[in-house]
Amino acid sequence: MLEFYEPGAAMIEDSVAKTVARLSKTNKSALDFMFGAQKVMLEEIAFLSNEMFDRTRTEMHLFSEMASKMAGTHSVKNLQTAYEECGQHQIDFVRRDSERLFKHGERMIEATSKLFANPPQN
């Protein structure tokens, strides 16, 4: 009677071994994805803190520059010129800041697509 069940037992063991191998491969892929997502999120937090600090520093610089120009004006014409210059500096800052954020957005999209595009390892 045992001889009758031996080929079936070998087939079951082989099937279980393949299932365990696929399950461990799936678990490894899920773990790799989770670590990659965690890395991207931590990089984003670091980038955000650096950006906030840099933006605050630049805004303070622009404000102090405007205050010093306002203190140095002696006429309405000088006041208008100071406002125009400070407004232009603010516009330039917003343009540079926007370009930097768009470039960062492109890098983030690229990093995220790489995270999702990684094929499972054999």
Protein backbone atom coordinates (compact mmCIF):
# COMPACT_ATOMS: atom_id res chain seq x y z
CA MET A 1 0.00 0.00 0.00
CA LEU A 2 2.85 2.44 0.77
CA GLU A 3 4.33 1.92 -2.68
CA PHE A 4 1.09 3.23 -4.14
CA TYR A 5 1.37 6.59 -2.29
CA GLU A 6 5.12 7.21 -2.75
CA PRO A 7 4.94 8.89 -6.22
CA GLY A 8 2.13 11.10 -4.96
CA ALA A 9 4.09 12.03 -1.85
CA ALA A 10 7.11 13.04 -3.94
CA MET A 11 4.87 15.15 -6.14
CA ILE A 12 3.33 16.82 -3.08
CA GLU A 13 6.75 17.51 -1.57
CA ASP A 14 7.90 19.04 -4.87
CA SER A 15 4.76 21.18 -5.04
CA VAL A 16 5.22 22.35 -1.44
CA ALA A 17 8.88 23.18 -2.09
CA LYS A 18 7.94 25.26 -5.16
CA THR A 19 5.20 27.03 -3.23
CA VAL A 20 7.57 27.85 -0.38
CA ALA A 21 10.16 29.16 -2.87
CA ARG A 22 7.57 31.38 -4.58
CA LEU A 23 6.28 32.62 -1.22
CA SER A 24 9.77 33.51 0.01
CA LYS A 25 10.50 35.26 -3.30
CA THR A 26 7.27 37.25 -2.96
CA ASN A 27 8.10 38.14 0.63
CA LYS A 28 11.57 39.31 -0.40
CA SER A 29 10.11 41.47 -3.15
CA ALA A 30 7.60 42.99 -0.74
CA LEU A 31 10.35 43.64 1.80
CA ASP A 32 12.58 45.25 -0.86
CA PHE A 33 9.67 47.46 -1.91
CA MET A 34 8.94 48.51 1.66
CA PHE A 35 12.60 49.36 2.33
CA GLY A 36 12.73 51.33 -0.94
CA ALA A 37 9.57 53.24 -0.05
CA GLN A 38 10.95 53.97 3.42
CA LYS A 39 14.20 55.25 1.92
CA VAL A 40 12.32 57.53 -0.49
CA MET A 41 10.17 58.90 2.35
CA LEU A 42 13.19 59.60 4.57
CA GLU A 43 14.96 61.34 1.68
CA GLU A 44 11.84 63.46 1.19
CA ILE A 45 11.75 64.45 4.85
CA ALA A 46 15.42 65.47 4.72
CA PHE A 47 14.86 67.42 1.49
CA LEU A 48 11.83 69.19 2.95
CA SER A 49 13.66 70.26 6.09
CA ASN A 50 16.58 71.58 4.03
CA GLU A 51 14.22 73.41 1.68
CA MET A 52 12.28 75.00 4.52
CA PHE A 53 15.49 76.18 6.17
CA ASP A 54 16.87 77.53 2.90
CA ARG A 55 13.62 79.29 2.04
CA THR A 56 13.40 80.89 5.48
CA ARG A 57 17.00 82.06 5.27
CA THR A 58 16.44 83.57 1.81
CA GLU A 59 13.19 85.26 2.86
CA MET A 60 14.95 86.79 5.86
CA HIS A 61 17.75 88.02 3.61
CA LEU A 62 15.24 89.60 1.20
CA PHE A 63 13.35 91.19 4.08
CA SER A 64 16.50 92.67 5.63
CA GLU A 65 17.56 93.97 2.20
CA MET A 66 14.16 95.63 1.77
CA ALA A 67 14.29 97.13 5.26
CA SER A 68 17.74 98.58 4.65
CA LYS A 69 16.63 100.07 1.33
CA MET A 70 13.53 101.56 2.94
CA ALA A 71 15.65 103.07 5.68
CA GLY A 72 17.93 104.62 3.08
CA THR A 73 15.21 106.27 1.00
CA HIS A 74 14.78 110.02 1.27
CA SER A 75 12.09 110.68 -1.33
CA VAL A 76 9.03 109.13 -2.91
CA LYS A 77 11.00 108.43 -6.10
CA ASN A 78 13.66 106.55 -4.13
CA LEU A 79 10.92 104.65 -2.30
CA GLN A 80 9.36 103.61 -5.63
CA THR A 81 12.75 102.49 -6.96
CA ALA A 82 13.41 100.46 -3.78
CA TYR A 83 10.02 98.74 -4.07
CA GLU A 84 10.67 97.90 -7.73
CA GLU A 85 14.09 96.44 -6.96
CA CYS A 86 12.83 94.43 -4.00
CA GLY A 87 9.85 93.21 -6.03
CA GLN A 88 12.18 92.07 -8.80
CA HIS A 89 14.36 90.24 -6.29
CA GLN A 90 11.26 88.52 -4.87
CA ILE A 91 10.13 87.49 -8.36
CA ASP A 92 13.61 86.11 -9.13
CA PHE A 93 13.57 84.17 -5.87
CA VAL A 94 10.16 82.64 -6.60
CA ARG A 95 11.33 81.69 -10.12
CA ARG A 96 14.49 80.00 -8.85
CA ASP A 97 12.57 78.29 -6.06
CA SER A 98 9.96 77.00 -8.50
CA GLU A 99 12.61 75.68 -10.88
CA ARG A 100 14.35 73.90 -8.00
CA LEU A 101 11.08 72.34 -6.84
CA PHE A 102 10.17 71.21 -10.36
CA LYS A 103 13.58 69.56 -10.74
CA HIS A 104 13.07 67.86 -7.40
CA GLY A 105 9.64 66.68 -8.55
CA GLU A 106 11.23 65.14 -11.63
CA ARG A 107 13.80 63.35 -9.46
CA MET A 108 11.04 62.09 -7.17
CA ILE A 109 9.01 60.75 -10.09
CA GLU A 110 12.12 59.03 -11.41
CA ALA A 111 12.93 57.49 -8.02
CA THR A 112 9.34 56.32 -7.56
CA SER A 113 9.20 54.83 -11.04
CA LYS A 114 12.45 52.98 -10.35
CA LEU A 115 10.93 51.67 -7.13
CA PHE A 116 7.94 50.28 -8.99
CA ALA A 117 9.87 49.20 -12.09
CA ASN A 118 12.35 46.90 -10.34
CA PRO A 119 11.67 43.42 -11.73
CA PRO A 120 11.54 40.58 -9.23
CA GLN A 121 14.92 38.94 -8.69
CA ASN A 122 15.18 35.25 -9.67
